[in-house]
C-alpha atoms as a PDB file:
ATOM      1  CA  MET A   1      16.659 -14.060  10.522  1.00  0.00           C
ATOM      2  CA  LEU A   2      14.841 -15.172   7.445  1.00  0.00           C
ATOM      3  CA  VAL A   3      16.201 -18.492   6.254  1.00  0.00           C
ATOM      4  CA  SER A   4      16.120 -19.287   2.553  1.00  0.00           C
ATOM      5  CA  PRO A   5      18.276 -19.287  -0.542  1.00  0.00           C
ATOM      6  CA  SER A   6      19.058 -15.885  -1.968  1.00  0.00           C
ATOM      7  CA  VAL A   7      17.426 -15.358  -5.280  1.00  0.00           C
ATOM      8  CA  PRO A   8      17.926 -12.295  -7.485  1.00  0.00           C
ATOM      9  CA  LEU A   9      14.868 -10.186  -7.918  1.00  0.00           C
ATOM     10  CA  LEU A  10      15.636  -9.126 -11.462  1.00  0.00           C
ATOM     11  CA  SER A  11      18.200 -10.195 -13.951  1.00  0.00           C
ATOM     12  CA  GLY A  12      19.991  -8.332 -16.684  1.00  0.00           C
ATOM     13  CA  PRO A  13      21.244  -4.765 -17.102  1.00  0.00           C
ATOM     14  CA  LYS A  14      17.916  -3.201 -16.068  1.00  0.00           C
ATOM     15  CA  SER A  15      18.176  -4.078 -12.397  1.00  0.00           C
ATOM     16  CA  HIS A  16      18.640  -0.745 -10.617  1.00  0.00           C
ATOM     17  CA  LEU A  17      17.179  -1.643  -7.245  1.00  0.00           C
ATOM     18  CA  LEU A  18      20.267  -2.426  -5.253  1.00  0.00           C
ATOM     19  CA  MET A  19      22.621   0.065  -6.773  1.00  0.00           C
ATOM     20  CA  HIS A  20      20.142   2.915  -6.220  1.00  0.00           C
ATOM     21  CA  SER A  21      18.923   2.183  -2.781  1.00  0.00           C
ATOM     22  CA  THR A  22      19.712   2.156   0.890  1.00  0.00           C
ATOM     23  CA  LEU A  23      17.662  -1.110   1.155  1.00  0.00           C
ATOM     24  CA  PRO A  24      19.362  -4.312   2.352  1.00  0.00           C
ATOM     25  CA  ALA A  25      19.728  -7.124  -0.059  1.00  0.00           C
ATOM     26  CA  PRO A  26      16.501  -8.955  -0.483  1.00  0.00           C
ATOM     27  CA  ARG A  27      15.888 -12.548   0.370  1.00  0.00           C
ATOM     28  CA  ILE A  28      13.278 -14.924  -1.108  1.00  0.00           C
ATOM     29  CA  VAL A  29      11.348 -16.745   1.557  1.00  0.00           C
ATOM     30  CA  ASN A  30       8.498 -19.223   1.389  1.00  0.00           C
ATOM     31  CA  VAL A  31       5.567 -17.940   3.378  1.00  0.00           C
ATOM     32  CA  GLY A  32       3.222 -20.861   2.685  1.00  0.00           C
ATOM     33  CA  GLU A  33       1.676 -20.667  -0.682  1.00  0.00           C
ATOM     34  CA  ILE A  34       4.149 -18.395  -2.387  1.00  0.00           C
ATOM     35  CA  ASN A  35       7.767 -17.297  -2.351  1.00  0.00           C
ATOM     36  CA  MET A  36       8.087 -13.600  -1.176  1.00  0.00           C
ATOM     37  CA  ALA A  37      10.942 -11.120  -1.735  1.00  0.00           C
ATOM     38  CA  VAL A  38      11.705  -9.577   1.583  1.00  0.00           C
ATOM     39  CA  TYR A  39      13.934  -6.707   2.724  1.00  0.00           C
ATOM     40  CA  GLU A  40      14.957  -6.830   6.311  1.00  0.00           C
ATOM     41  CA  THR A  41      17.200  -4.893   8.580  1.00  0.00           C
ATOM     42  CA  GLY A  42      17.569  -3.817  12.242  1.00  0.00           C
ATOM     43  CA  SER A  43      16.731  -5.541  15.534  1.00  0.00           C
ATOM     44  CA  GLY A  44      14.148  -4.882  18.157  1.00  0.00           C
ATOM     45  CA  PRO A  45      10.377  -4.761  18.023  1.00  0.00           C
ATOM     46  CA  PRO A  46       9.243  -5.947  14.549  1.00  0.00           C
ATOM     47  CA  VAL A  47       7.555  -3.584  12.121  1.00  0.00           C
ATOM     48  CA  ILE A  48       6.212  -4.842   8.792  1.00  0.00           C
ATOM     49  CA  LEU A  49       5.652  -2.342   5.986  1.00  0.00           C
ATOM     50  CA  VAL A  50       2.952  -3.137   3.466  1.00  0.00           C
ATOM     51  CA  HIS A  51       2.943  -1.215   0.187  1.00  0.00           C
ATOM     52  CA  GLY A  52       0.057  -0.421  -2.126  1.00  0.00           C
ATOM     53  CA  PHE A  53      -0.671  -0.065  -5.929  1.00  0.00           C
ATOM     54  CA  PRO A  54       1.341   0.312  -8.113  1.00  0.00           C
ATOM     55  CA  GLU A  55       4.263   0.116  -5.751  1.00  0.00           C
ATOM     56  CA  LEU A  56       7.015  -2.071  -4.221  1.00  0.00           C
ATOM     57  CA  ALA A  57       8.861  -2.576  -0.920  1.00  0.00           C
ATOM     58  CA  TYR A  58      11.148   0.083  -2.485  1.00  0.00           C
ATOM     59  CA  SER A  59       8.440   2.654  -1.801  1.00  0.00           C
ATOM     60  CA  TRP A  60       9.533   2.453   1.872  1.00  0.00           C
ATOM     61  CA  ARG A  61      13.178   3.264   1.117  1.00  0.00           C
ATOM     62  CA  HIS A  62      13.056   6.456   3.266  1.00  0.00           C
ATOM     63  CA  GLN A  63      11.301   4.669   6.221  1.00  0.00           C
ATOM     64  CA  ILE A  64      13.342   1.419   6.415  1.00  0.00           C
ATOM     65  CA  PRO A  65      16.631   3.071   7.587  1.00  0.00           C
ATOM     66  CA  ALA A  66      14.876   5.565   9.847  1.00  0.00           C
ATOM     67  CA  LEU A  67      12.981   2.832  11.687  1.00  0.00           C
ATOM     68  CA  ALA A  68      16.006   0.527  11.879  1.00  0.00           C
ATOM     69  CA  ASN A  69      18.204   3.346  13.203  1.00  0.00           C
ATOM     70  CA  ALA A  70      15.564   4.016  15.827  1.00  0.00           C
ATOM     71  CA  GLY A  71      15.843   0.387  17.134  1.00  0.00           C
ATOM     72  CA  TYR A  72      13.252  -1.508  15.217  1.00  0.00           C
ATOM     73  CA  ARG A  73      13.387  -4.717  13.200  1.00  0.00           C
ATOM     74  CA  VAL A  74      12.064  -3.601   9.842  1.00  0.00           C
ATOM     75  CA  ILE A  75      10.573  -6.053   7.409  1.00  0.00           C
ATOM     76  CA  ALA A  76       9.336  -4.864   3.990  1.00  0.00           C
ATOM     77  CA  PRO A  77       7.998  -7.410   1.477  1.00  0.00           C
ATOM     78  CA  ASP A  78       7.177  -7.103  -2.167  1.00  0.00           C
ATOM     79  CA  MET A  79       3.566  -8.092  -1.918  1.00  0.00           C
ATOM     80  CA  ARG A  80       1.874 -10.955  -3.822  1.00  0.00           C
ATOM     81  CA  GLY A  81       1.980 -10.097  -7.551  1.00  0.00           C
ATOM     82  CA  TYR A  82       4.641  -7.496  -7.192  1.00  0.00           C
ATOM     83  CA  GLY A  83       8.437  -7.219  -7.730  1.00  0.00           C
ATOM     84  CA  GLY A  84      10.420 -10.240  -6.777  1.00  0.00           C
ATOM     85  CA  THR A  85       7.432 -12.006  -5.138  1.00  0.00           C
ATOM     86  CA  ASP A  86       5.526 -14.807  -6.904  1.00  0.00           C
ATOM     87  CA  LYS A  87       2.591 -13.758  -9.223  1.00  0.00           C
ATOM     88  CA  PRO A  88      -0.055 -16.381  -9.337  1.00  0.00           C
ATOM     89  CA  THR A  89      -2.327 -16.271 -12.393  1.00  0.00           C
ATOM     90  CA  ARG A  90      -5.912 -16.650 -11.108  1.00  0.00           C
ATOM     91  CA  VAL A  91      -7.969 -13.839  -9.686  1.00  0.00           C
ATOM     92  CA  SER A  92      -8.853 -16.065  -6.802  1.00  0.00           C
ATOM     93  CA  ASP A  93      -5.259 -16.086  -5.749  1.00  0.00           C
ATOM     94  CA  TYR A  94      -5.557 -12.498  -4.627  1.00  0.00           C
ATOM     95  CA  THR A  95      -8.340 -12.543  -2.096  1.00  0.00           C
ATOM     96  CA  ILE A  96      -7.980 -10.580   1.161  1.00  0.00           C
ATOM     97  CA  GLN A  97      -7.547 -13.922   3.024  1.00  0.00           C
ATOM     98  CA  LYS A  98      -4.567 -14.812   0.766  1.00  0.00           C
ATOM     99  CA  LEU A  99      -2.964 -11.329   1.289  1.00  0.00           C
ATOM    100  CA  ILE A 100      -3.388 -11.559   5.041  1.00  0.00           C
ATOM    101  CA  GLY A 101      -2.144 -15.113   4.949  1.00  0.00           C
ATOM    102  CA  ASP A 102       1.068 -14.002   3.212  1.00  0.00           C
ATOM    103  CA  LEU A 103       1.764 -11.542   6.035  1.00  0.00           C
ATOM    104  CA  THR A 104       1.027 -14.156   8.798  1.00  0.00           C
ATOM    105  CA  GLY A 105       3.151 -16.641   6.916  1.00  0.00           C
ATOM    106  CA  LEU A 106       5.956 -14.095   6.838  1.00  0.00           C
ATOM    107  CA  MET A 107       5.587 -13.700  10.552  1.00  0.00           C
ATOM    108  CA  ASP A 108       5.670 -17.415  11.118  1.00  0.00           C
ATOM    109  CA  ILE A 109       8.888 -17.852   9.075  1.00  0.00           C
ATOM    110  CA  SER A 110      10.347 -14.908  10.954  1.00  0.00           C
ATOM    111  CA  SER A 111       9.470 -16.461  14.372  1.00  0.00           C
ATOM    112  CA  LEU A 112       7.117 -13.569  15.219  1.00  0.00           C
ATOM    113  CA  ASP A 113       4.017 -13.994  17.268  1.00  0.00           C
ATOM    114  CA  LYS A 114       3.075 -10.380  16.607  1.00  0.00           C
ATOM    115  CA  ALA A 115       4.301  -7.349  14.663  1.00  0.00           C
ATOM    116  CA  LEU A 116       3.257  -3.791  14.222  1.00  0.00           C
ATOM    117  CA  ILE A 117       1.877  -3.334  10.718  1.00  0.00           C
ATOM    118  CA  VAL A 118       2.274  -0.252   8.642  1.00  0.00           C
ATOM    119  CA  GLY A 119       0.100   0.078   5.548  1.00  0.00           C
ATOM    120  CA  HIS A 120      -0.294   2.429   2.602  1.00  0.00           C
ATOM    121  CA  ASP A 121      -2.976   2.596  -0.108  1.00  0.00           C
ATOM    122  CA  TRP A 122      -3.978  -1.156  -0.778  1.00  0.00           C
ATOM    123  CA  GLY A 123      -1.526  -2.078   2.039  1.00  0.00           C
ATOM    124  CA  ALA A 124      -3.702  -0.020   4.396  1.00  0.00           C
ATOM    125  CA  LEU A 125      -6.773  -1.861   3.248  1.00  0.00           C
ATOM    126  CA  VAL A 126      -5.016  -5.205   3.918  1.00  0.00           C
ATOM    127  CA  ALA A 127      -3.948  -3.987   7.316  1.00  0.00           C
ATOM    128  CA  TRP A 128      -7.452  -2.825   8.284  1.00  0.00           C
ATOM    129  CA  GLN A 129      -8.855  -6.253   7.419  1.00  0.00           C
ATOM    130  CA  MET A 130      -6.035  -8.004   9.142  1.00  0.00           C
ATOM    131  CA  ALA A 131      -7.003  -6.036  12.276  1.00  0.00           C
ATOM    132  CA  LEU A 132     -10.525  -7.581  11.945  1.00  0.00           C
ATOM    133  CA  LEU A 133      -9.565 -11.097  10.951  1.00  0.00           C
ATOM    134  CA  ALA A 134      -6.238 -11.702  12.659  1.00  0.00           C
ATOM    135  CA  PRO A 135      -5.899  -9.079  15.456  1.00  0.00           C
ATOM    136  CA  GLU A 136      -4.041 -11.499  17.614  1.00  0.00           C
ATOM    137  CA  ARG A 137      -0.987 -11.180  15.268  1.00  0.00           C
ATOM    138  CA  MET A 138      -0.865  -7.425  15.485  1.00  0.00           C
ATOM    139  CA  ALA A 139       0.931  -5.365  18.130  1.00  0.00           C
ATOM    140  CA  GLY A 140      -0.516  -2.180  16.592  1.00  0.00           C
ATOM    141  CA  LEU A 141      -1.318  -0.467  13.348  1.00  0.00           C
ATOM    142  CA  ILE A 142      -0.178   2.637  11.441  1.00  0.00           C
ATOM    143  CA  ASN A 143      -2.029   3.306   8.201  1.00  0.00           C
ATOM    144  CA  LEU A 144      -1.485   5.983   5.750  1.00  0.00           C
ATOM    145  CA  ASN A 145      -3.946   7.927   3.517  1.00  0.00           C
ATOM    146  CA  ILE A 146      -6.751   5.266   3.305  1.00  0.00           C
ATOM    147  CA  PRO A 147      -9.154   5.197   6.318  1.00  0.00           C
ATOM    148  CA  PHE A 148     -11.170   2.283   7.647  1.00  0.00           C
ATOM    149  CA  TYR A 149     -14.330   1.713   5.682  1.00  0.00           C
ATOM    150  CA  LYS A 150     -17.129  -0.210   7.381  1.00  0.00           C
ATOM    151  CA  ARG A 151     -18.407  -3.185   5.310  1.00  0.00           C
ATOM    152  CA  PRO A 152     -21.337  -1.856   3.214  1.00  0.00           C
ATOM    153  CA  PRO A 153     -24.700  -3.524   3.011  1.00  0.00           C
ATOM    154  CA  ILE A 154     -24.259  -4.294  -0.756  1.00  0.00           C
ATOM    155  CA  ASN A 155     -21.412  -5.131  -3.101  1.00  0.00           C
ATOM    156  CA  PRO A 156     -18.991  -2.224  -3.021  1.00  0.00           C
ATOM    157  CA  VAL A 157     -18.375  -2.402  -6.716  1.00  0.00           C
ATOM    158  CA  THR A 158     -22.127  -1.953  -7.323  1.00  0.00           C
ATOM    159  CA  ILE A 159     -21.931   1.225  -5.152  1.00  0.00           C
ATOM    160  CA  MET A 160     -18.879   2.437  -7.133  1.00  0.00           C
ATOM    161  CA  ARG A 161     -20.516   1.813 -10.475  1.00  0.00           C
ATOM    162  CA  CYS A 162     -23.683   3.641  -9.455  1.00  0.00           C
ATOM    163  CA  LYS A 163     -21.954   6.645  -7.813  1.00  0.00           C
ATOM    164  CA  LEU A 164     -18.737   6.994  -9.887  1.00  0.00           C
ATOM    165  CA  GLY A 165     -19.506   5.418 -13.229  1.00  0.00           C
ATOM    166  CA  LYS A 166     -17.965   2.795 -15.435  1.00  0.00           C
ATOM    167  CA  ASP A 167     -14.784   4.755 -16.063  1.00  0.00           C
ATOM    168  CA  PHE A 168     -13.883   4.806 -12.432  1.00  0.00           C
ATOM    169  CA  TYR A 169     -10.662   2.821 -12.266  1.00  0.00           C
ATOM    170  CA  ILE A 170     -11.831   0.195  -9.836  1.00  0.00           C
ATOM    171  CA  VAL A 171     -14.973  -0.395 -11.851  1.00  0.00           C
ATOM    172  CA  ASN A 172     -12.988  -0.478 -15.071  1.00  0.00           C
ATOM    173  CA  PHE A 173     -10.670  -3.146 -13.642  1.00  0.00           C
ATOM    174  CA  GLN A 174     -13.449  -5.572 -12.854  1.00  0.00           C
ATOM    175  CA  ASN A 175     -14.333  -7.190 -16.157  1.00  0.00           C
ATOM    176  CA  SER A 176     -11.775  -5.922 -18.585  1.00  0.00           C
ATOM    177  CA  ASP A 177      -8.031  -6.412 -19.204  1.00  0.00           C
ATOM    178  CA  GLU A 178      -7.728  -3.017 -20.950  1.00  0.00           C
ATOM    179  CA  ALA A 179      -5.841  -1.571 -17.954  1.00  0.00           C
ATOM    180  CA  ASP A 180      -3.510  -4.573 -17.750  1.00  0.00           C
ATOM    181  CA  ARG A 181      -2.536  -4.127 -21.382  1.00  0.00           C
ATOM    182  CA  ARG A 182      -2.352  -0.298 -21.464  1.00  0.00           C
ATOM    183  CA  PHE A 183      -0.185  -0.029 -18.308  1.00  0.00           C
ATOM    184  CA  ALA A 184       2.195  -2.718 -19.595  1.00  0.00           C
ATOM    185  CA  GLU A 185       2.726  -1.148 -22.944  1.00  0.00           C
ATOM    186  CA  ASN A 186       4.909   1.506 -21.282  1.00  0.00           C
ATOM    187  CA  PRO A 187       5.295   0.939 -17.452  1.00  0.00           C
ATOM    188  CA  ALA A 188       7.629   3.979 -17.114  1.00  0.00           C
ATOM    189  CA  ARG A 189       5.040   6.230 -18.672  1.00  0.00           C
ATOM    190  CA  PHE A 190       2.231   4.982 -16.520  1.00  0.00           C
ATOM    191  CA  LEU A 191       4.228   5.081 -13.338  1.00  0.00           C
ATOM    192  CA  ASP A 192       5.408   8.662 -14.143  1.00  0.00           C
ATOM    193  CA  VAL A 193       1.773   9.714 -14.686  1.00  0.00           C
ATOM    194  CA  MET A 194       0.756   8.027 -11.421  1.00  0.00           C
ATOM    195  CA  MET A 195       3.440   9.114  -9.041  1.00  0.00           C
ATOM    196  CA  ARG A 196       3.187  12.835  -9.009  1.00  0.00           C
ATOM    197  CA  ARG A 197       2.463  15.630  -6.427  1.00  0.00           C
ATOM    198  CA  ARG A 198      -1.021  16.903  -7.008  1.00  0.00           C
ATOM    199  CA  LYS A 199      -3.180  19.412  -5.255  1.00  0.00           C
ATOM    200  CA  ARG A 200      -6.914  19.124  -4.891  1.00  0.00           C
ATOM    201  CA  PRO A 201      -8.518  21.835  -7.034  1.00  0.00           C
ATOM    202  CA  VAL A 202      -9.995  24.890  -5.383  1.00  0.00           C
ATOM    203  CA  ALA A 203     -13.458  25.978  -6.542  1.00  0.00           C
ATOM    204  CA  ALA A 204     -13.510  29.047  -8.740  1.00  0.00           C
ATOM    205  CA  THR A 205     -16.108  30.649  -6.358  1.00  0.00           C
ATOM    206  CA  GLY A 206     -13.835  30.794  -3.346  1.00  0.00           C
ATOM    207  CA  ASN A 207     -11.496  28.899  -1.130  1.00  0.00           C
ATOM    208  CA  LYS A 208     -13.654  25.808  -0.807  1.00  0.00           C
ATOM    209  CA  ARG A 209     -12.237  22.607  -2.438  1.00  0.00           C
ATOM    210  CA  GLU A 210     -14.050  21.253  -5.474  1.00  0.00           C
ATOM    211  CA  LYS A 211     -15.928  17.963  -5.052  1.00  0.00           C
ATOM    212  CA  ARG A 212     -13.655  15.010  -5.736  1.00  0.00           C
ATOM    213  CA  ARG A 213     -14.029  13.715  -9.230  1.00  0.00           C
ATOM    214  CA  PRO A 214     -13.966   9.982 -10.139  1.00  0.00           C
ATOM    215  CA  ILE A 215     -10.522   8.891 -10.964  1.00  0.00           C
ATOM    216  CA  SER A 216      -9.892   7.210 -14.363  1.00  0.00           C
ATOM    217  CA  LEU A 217      -6.365   6.054 -14.635  1.00  0.00           C
ATOM    218  CA  LEU A 218      -6.835   5.313 -18.328  1.00  0.00           C
ATOM    219  CA  HIS A 219      -7.903   8.941 -18.921  1.00  0.00           C
ATOM    220  CA  MET A 220      -4.927  10.138 -16.922  1.00  0.00           C
ATOM    221  CA  LEU A 221      -2.677   7.985 -19.172  1.00  0.00           C
ATOM    222  CA  ASP A 222      -4.270   9.616 -22.262  1.00  0.00           C
ATOM    223  CA  ASP A 223      -3.332  13.159 -21.122  1.00  0.00           C
ATOM    224  CA  SER A 224      -0.514  14.480 -23.248  1.00  0.00           C
ATOM    225  CA  GLU A 225       0.866  16.431 -20.294  1.00  0.00           C
ATOM    226  CA  PRO A 226       0.461  14.776 -16.841  1.00  0.00           C
ATOM    227  CA  THR A 227      -0.594  17.095 -14.120  1.00  0.00           C
ATOM    228  CA  GLY A 228       1.539  17.576 -11.075  1.00  0.00           C
ATOM    229  CA  GLU A 229       5.226  17.431 -10.144  1.00  0.00           C
ATOM    230  CA  PRO A 230       7.016  14.042 -10.482  1.00  0.00           C
ATOM    231  CA  ILE A 231       8.090  12.627  -7.108  1.00  0.00           C
ATOM    232  CA  LEU A 232      10.669  10.204  -8.617  1.00  0.00           C
ATOM    233  CA  ASP A 233      13.981  10.988 -10.136  1.00  0.00           C
ATOM    234  CA  GLU A 234      15.073   9.059 -13.215  1.00  0.00           C
ATOM    235  CA  ALA A 235      16.903   6.263 -11.290  1.00  0.00           C
ATOM    236  CA  GLU A 236      13.948   5.853  -8.795  1.00  0.00           C
ATOM    237  CA  LEU A 237      11.434   5.657 -11.716  1.00  0.00           C
ATOM    238  CA  ALA A 238      13.654   3.037 -13.336  1.00  0.00           C
ATOM    239  CA  VAL A 239      13.391   0.800 -10.241  1.00  0.00           C
ATOM    240  CA  PHE A 240       9.552   0.719 -10.455  1.00  0.00           C
ATOM    241  CA  ALA A 241       9.467   0.547 -14.293  1.00  0.00           C
ATOM    242  CA  ASP A 242      11.948  -2.349 -14.382  1.00  0.00           C
ATOM    243  CA  ALA A 243       9.881  -4.396 -11.851  1.00  0.00           C
ATOM    244  CA  PHE A 244       6.635  -3.847 -13.708  1.00  0.00           C
ATOM    245  CA  SER A 245       8.265  -4.468 -17.132  1.00  0.00           C
ATOM    246  CA  VAL A 246       9.159  -7.921 -15.828  1.00  0.00           C
ATOM    247  CA  GLY A 247       6.073  -8.719 -13.747  1.00  0.00           C
ATOM    248  CA  GLY A 248       3.311  -6.822 -15.446  1.00  0.00           C
ATOM    249  CA  PHE A 249       0.179  -5.385 -13.898  1.00  0.00           C
ATOM    250  CA  THR A 250      -2.325  -8.190 -13.886  1.00  0.00           C
ATOM    251  CA  GLY A 251      -1.405  -9.607 -10.447  1.00  0.00           C
ATOM    252  CA  PRO A 252      -1.706  -6.146  -8.732  1.00  0.00           C
ATOM    253  CA  ILE A 253      -4.899  -5.359 -10.584  1.00  0.00           C
ATOM    254  CA  ASN A 254      -6.383  -8.776  -9.437  1.00  0.00           C
ATOM    255  CA  TRP A 255      -6.364  -7.401  -5.895  1.00  0.00           C
ATOM    256  CA  TYR A 256      -9.108  -5.065  -7.111  1.00  0.00           C
ATOM    257  CA  ARG A 257     -11.010  -7.904  -8.773  1.00  0.00           C
ATOM    258  CA  ASN A 258     -11.661  -9.441  -5.444  1.00  0.00           C
ATOM    259  CA  PHE A 259     -13.742  -6.619  -4.010  1.00  0.00           C
ATOM    260  CA  LYS A 260     -16.938  -8.665  -4.225  1.00  0.00           C
ATOM    261  CA  HIS A 261     -15.336 -11.847  -2.918  1.00  0.00           C
ATOM    262  CA  ASN A 262     -13.802  -9.876   0.023  1.00  0.00           C
ATOM    263  CA  TRP A 263     -17.211  -8.295   0.782  1.00  0.00           C
ATOM    264  CA  LYS A 264     -19.128 -11.620   0.659  1.00  0.00           C
ATOM    265  CA  SER A 265     -16.535 -13.626   2.598  1.00  0.00           C
ATOM    266  CA  THR A 266     -16.473 -11.127   5.544  1.00  0.00           C
ATOM    267  CA  ARG A 267     -20.177 -11.106   6.132  1.00  0.00           C
ATOM    268  CA  GLY A 268     -20.720 -11.225   9.904  1.00  0.00           C
ATOM    269  CA  VAL A 269     -17.323  -9.901  10.924  1.00  0.00           C
ATOM    270  CA  GLU A 270     -17.505  -7.324  13.586  1.00  0.00           C
ATOM    271  CA  GLN A 271     -16.489  -3.937  12.153  1.00  0.00           C
ATOM    272  CA  ILE A 272     -14.352  -2.782  15.106  1.00  0.00           C
ATOM    273  CA  VAL A 273     -10.572  -2.459  14.949  1.00  0.00           C
ATOM    274  CA  ARG A 274      -9.381  -3.285  18.406  1.00  0.00           C
ATOM    275  CA  VAL A 275      -5.581  -2.602  18.075  1.00  0.00           C
ATOM    276  CA  PRO A 276      -3.790   0.608  18.897  1.00  0.00           C
ATOM    277  CA  THR A 277      -3.923   2.647  15.711  1.00  0.00           C
ATOM    278  CA  LEU A 278      -2.329   5.723  14.253  1.00  0.00           C
ATOM    279  CA  PHE A 279      -3.825   7.128  11.024  1.00  0.00           C
ATOM    280  CA  ILE A 280      -1.784   9.676   9.042  1.00  0.00           C
ATOM    281  CA  GLY A 281      -3.783  11.564   6.445  1.00  0.00           C
ATOM    282  CA  ALA A 282      -2.598  13.959   3.682  1.00  0.00           C
ATOM    283  CA  SER A 283      -4.127  17.313   2.999  1.00  0.00           C
ATOM    284  CA  GLU A 284      -4.132  16.797  -0.823  1.00  0.00           C
ATOM    285  CA  GLU A 285      -5.257  13.169  -0.858  1.00  0.00           C
ATOM    286  CA  MET A 286      -7.481  12.509  -3.904  1.00  0.00           C
ATOM    287  CA  VAL A 287      -8.819   9.089  -2.862  1.00  0.00           C
ATOM    288  CA  ALA A 288     -10.236   9.638   0.630  1.00  0.00           C
ATOM    289  CA  SER A 289     -11.829  12.694   2.080  1.00  0.00           C
ATOM    290  CA  PRO A 290     -11.451  14.225   5.615  1.00  0.00           C
ATOM    291  CA  LYS A 291     -15.139  13.300   6.195  1.00  0.00           C
ATOM    292  CA  GLN A 292     -14.289   9.698   5.500  1.00  0.00           C
ATOM    293  CA  VAL A 293     -11.383   9.844   7.936  1.00  0.00           C
ATOM    294  CA  GLU A 294     -13.614  11.181  10.634  1.00  0.00           C
ATOM    295  CA  ALA A 295     -16.278   8.657   9.934  1.00  0.00           C
ATOM    296  CA  MET A 296     -14.031   5.793  11.055  1.00  0.00           C
ATOM    297  CA  ARG A 297     -13.669   7.069  14.715  1.00  0.00           C
ATOM    298  CA  PRO A 298     -16.633   4.878  16.019  1.00  0.00           C
ATOM    299  CA  HIS A 299     -15.051   1.771  14.443  1.00  0.00           C
ATOM    300  CA  VAL A 300     -11.474   2.390  15.703  1.00  0.00           C
ATOM    301  CA  PRO A 301     -11.712   3.061  19.471  1.00  0.00           C
ATOM    302  CA  ASP A 302      -7.972   3.392  20.145  1.00  0.00           C
ATOM    303  CA  LEU A 303      -7.181   5.842  17.298  1.00  0.00           C
ATOM    304  CA  GLU A 304      -4.935   8.870  16.867  1.00  0.00           C
ATOM    305  CA  ILE A 305      -5.217  10.931  13.678  1.00  0.00           C
ATOM    306  CA  CYS A 306      -2.400  13.119  12.308  1.00  0.00           C
ATOM    307  CA  TRP A 307      -2.274  15.184   9.103  1.00  0.00           C
ATOM    308  CA  ILE A 308       0.592  16.125   6.831  1.00  0.00           C
ATOM    309  CA  ALA A 309       0.018  19.388   5.078  1.00  0.00           C
ATOM    310  CA  ASP A 310       0.778  19.963   1.374  1.00  0.00           C
ATOM    311  CA  CYS A 311       1.064  16.254   0.755  1.00  0.00           C
ATOM    312  CA  GLY A 312      -0.808  13.989  -1.700  1.00  0.00           C
ATOM    313  CA  HIS A 313      -1.319  10.234  -2.023  1.00  0.00           C
ATOM    314  CA  TRP A 314       2.308   9.131  -2.048  1.00  0.00           C
ATOM    315  CA  THR A 315       3.030  10.151   1.494  1.00  0.00           C
ATOM    316  CA  GLN A 316       6.102   8.066   2.301  1.00  0.00           C
ATOM    317  CA  GLN A 317       7.820   9.368  -0.929  1.00  0.00           C
ATOM    318  CA  GLU A 318       6.444  12.854  -0.906  1.00  0.00           C
ATOM    319  CA  LYS A 319       7.015  13.791   2.731  1.00  0.00           C
ATOM    320  CA  PRO A 320       9.405  11.173   4.127  1.00  0.00           C
ATOM    321  CA  GLU A 321      10.947  13.196   6.951  1.00  0.00           C
ATOM    322  CA  GLU A 322       7.605  14.401   8.344  1.00  0.00           C
ATOM    323  CA  LEU A 323       6.112  10.947   8.027  1.00  0.00           C
ATOM    324  CA  ASN A 324       9.045   9.402   9.806  1.00  0.00           C
ATOM    325  CA  ARG A 325       8.807  11.875  12.666  1.00  0.00           C
ATOM    326  CA  LEU A 326       5.091  11.265  13.184  1.00  0.00           C
ATOM    327  CA  MET A 327       5.550   7.487  13.064  1.00  0.00           C
ATOM    328  CA  LEU A 328       8.475   7.445  15.429  1.00  0.00           C
ATOM    329  CA  GLU A 329       6.700   9.782  17.987  1.00  0.00           C
ATOM    330  CA  TRP A 330       3.711   7.492  18.110  1.00  0.00           C
ATOM    331  CA  LEU A 331       5.802   4.301  18.213  1.00  0.00           C
ATOM    332  CA  GLY A 332       7.882   5.776  21.117  1.00  0.00           C
ATOM    333  CA  LYS A 333       4.607   6.125  23.049  1.00  0.00           C
ATOM    334  CA  ARG A 334       2.743   2.949  21.999  1.00  0.00           C
ATOM    335  CA  TYR A 335       5.377   0.499  20.804  1.00  0.00           C
ATOM    336  CA  PRO A 336       8.719   1.489  22.348  1.00  0.00           C
ATOM    337  CA  VAL A 337      11.956  -0.274  21.548  1.00  0.00           C
ATOM    338  CA  ASN A 338      12.254  -1.592  25.034  1.00  0.00           C
ATOM    339  CA  THR A 339       9.172  -3.636  24.822  1.00  0.00           C
END
């Protein structure tokens, strides 16, 4: 059990989280440098769920009960800068070392030598790097949507700026607070624009997919009619909007502002993931291509790849039943409850 005083995540009439959720009540635990809001249920082999941007532990609301009912001890934190977890103010507070340290600190306070890590979006990037920097703490890895990227020879932001332009969202985040301010002006609007089912466009000349275009979140926000079908109902959207109305977006965006630091600080790290790994891709994913997924095979020797059809970026919320089935099938083979 996690031992700490209980602290409410949000105060006032806007807190919808517990009344619209199958999640257990959160606890606030000190994981070393920060206090972290953690949702935990079940017993058995531990599984830690790591969300991405702009999300919360609540993004795993469909997976938490399924994994617990299957016999796993499920631990889902609001990550640093998000939800009920502390939000340090400096960019340097959000390095990959800090983010991994929060997870190992959570494992320490939970009396866990190892856990299986599940990551989505930025959570997948953290989990891939944890497999390089702290593999001894990992019993295995399941990552969604974002494949392993080998450390490039030059600053990745420089590559993004040259190939994708200054409006590409990660480039835009680097030296401007425009996104911080614009997203915070109306969190519900931003989150509704973001969390939608979208299909990759088909080229007019045939059945081939069009080349992926650089993503500008600010341009998406400017569209009068967002594309795609919303994946959140009104109450679910309120959970996310309430959290970001309180906490803002600067902490989460600071994760992106450490790309250069993370690249420099991992020079010389062997680019081989040596833990058992399941990767689950989505056919309509806009961020990563099937070619990039296949390119990771030489760097992840113990790798199984599965695909979910007719699914975009928000896999655990778009196709929860299919995702749960794939995860539990692989866990049954590689991380069974009788371990």
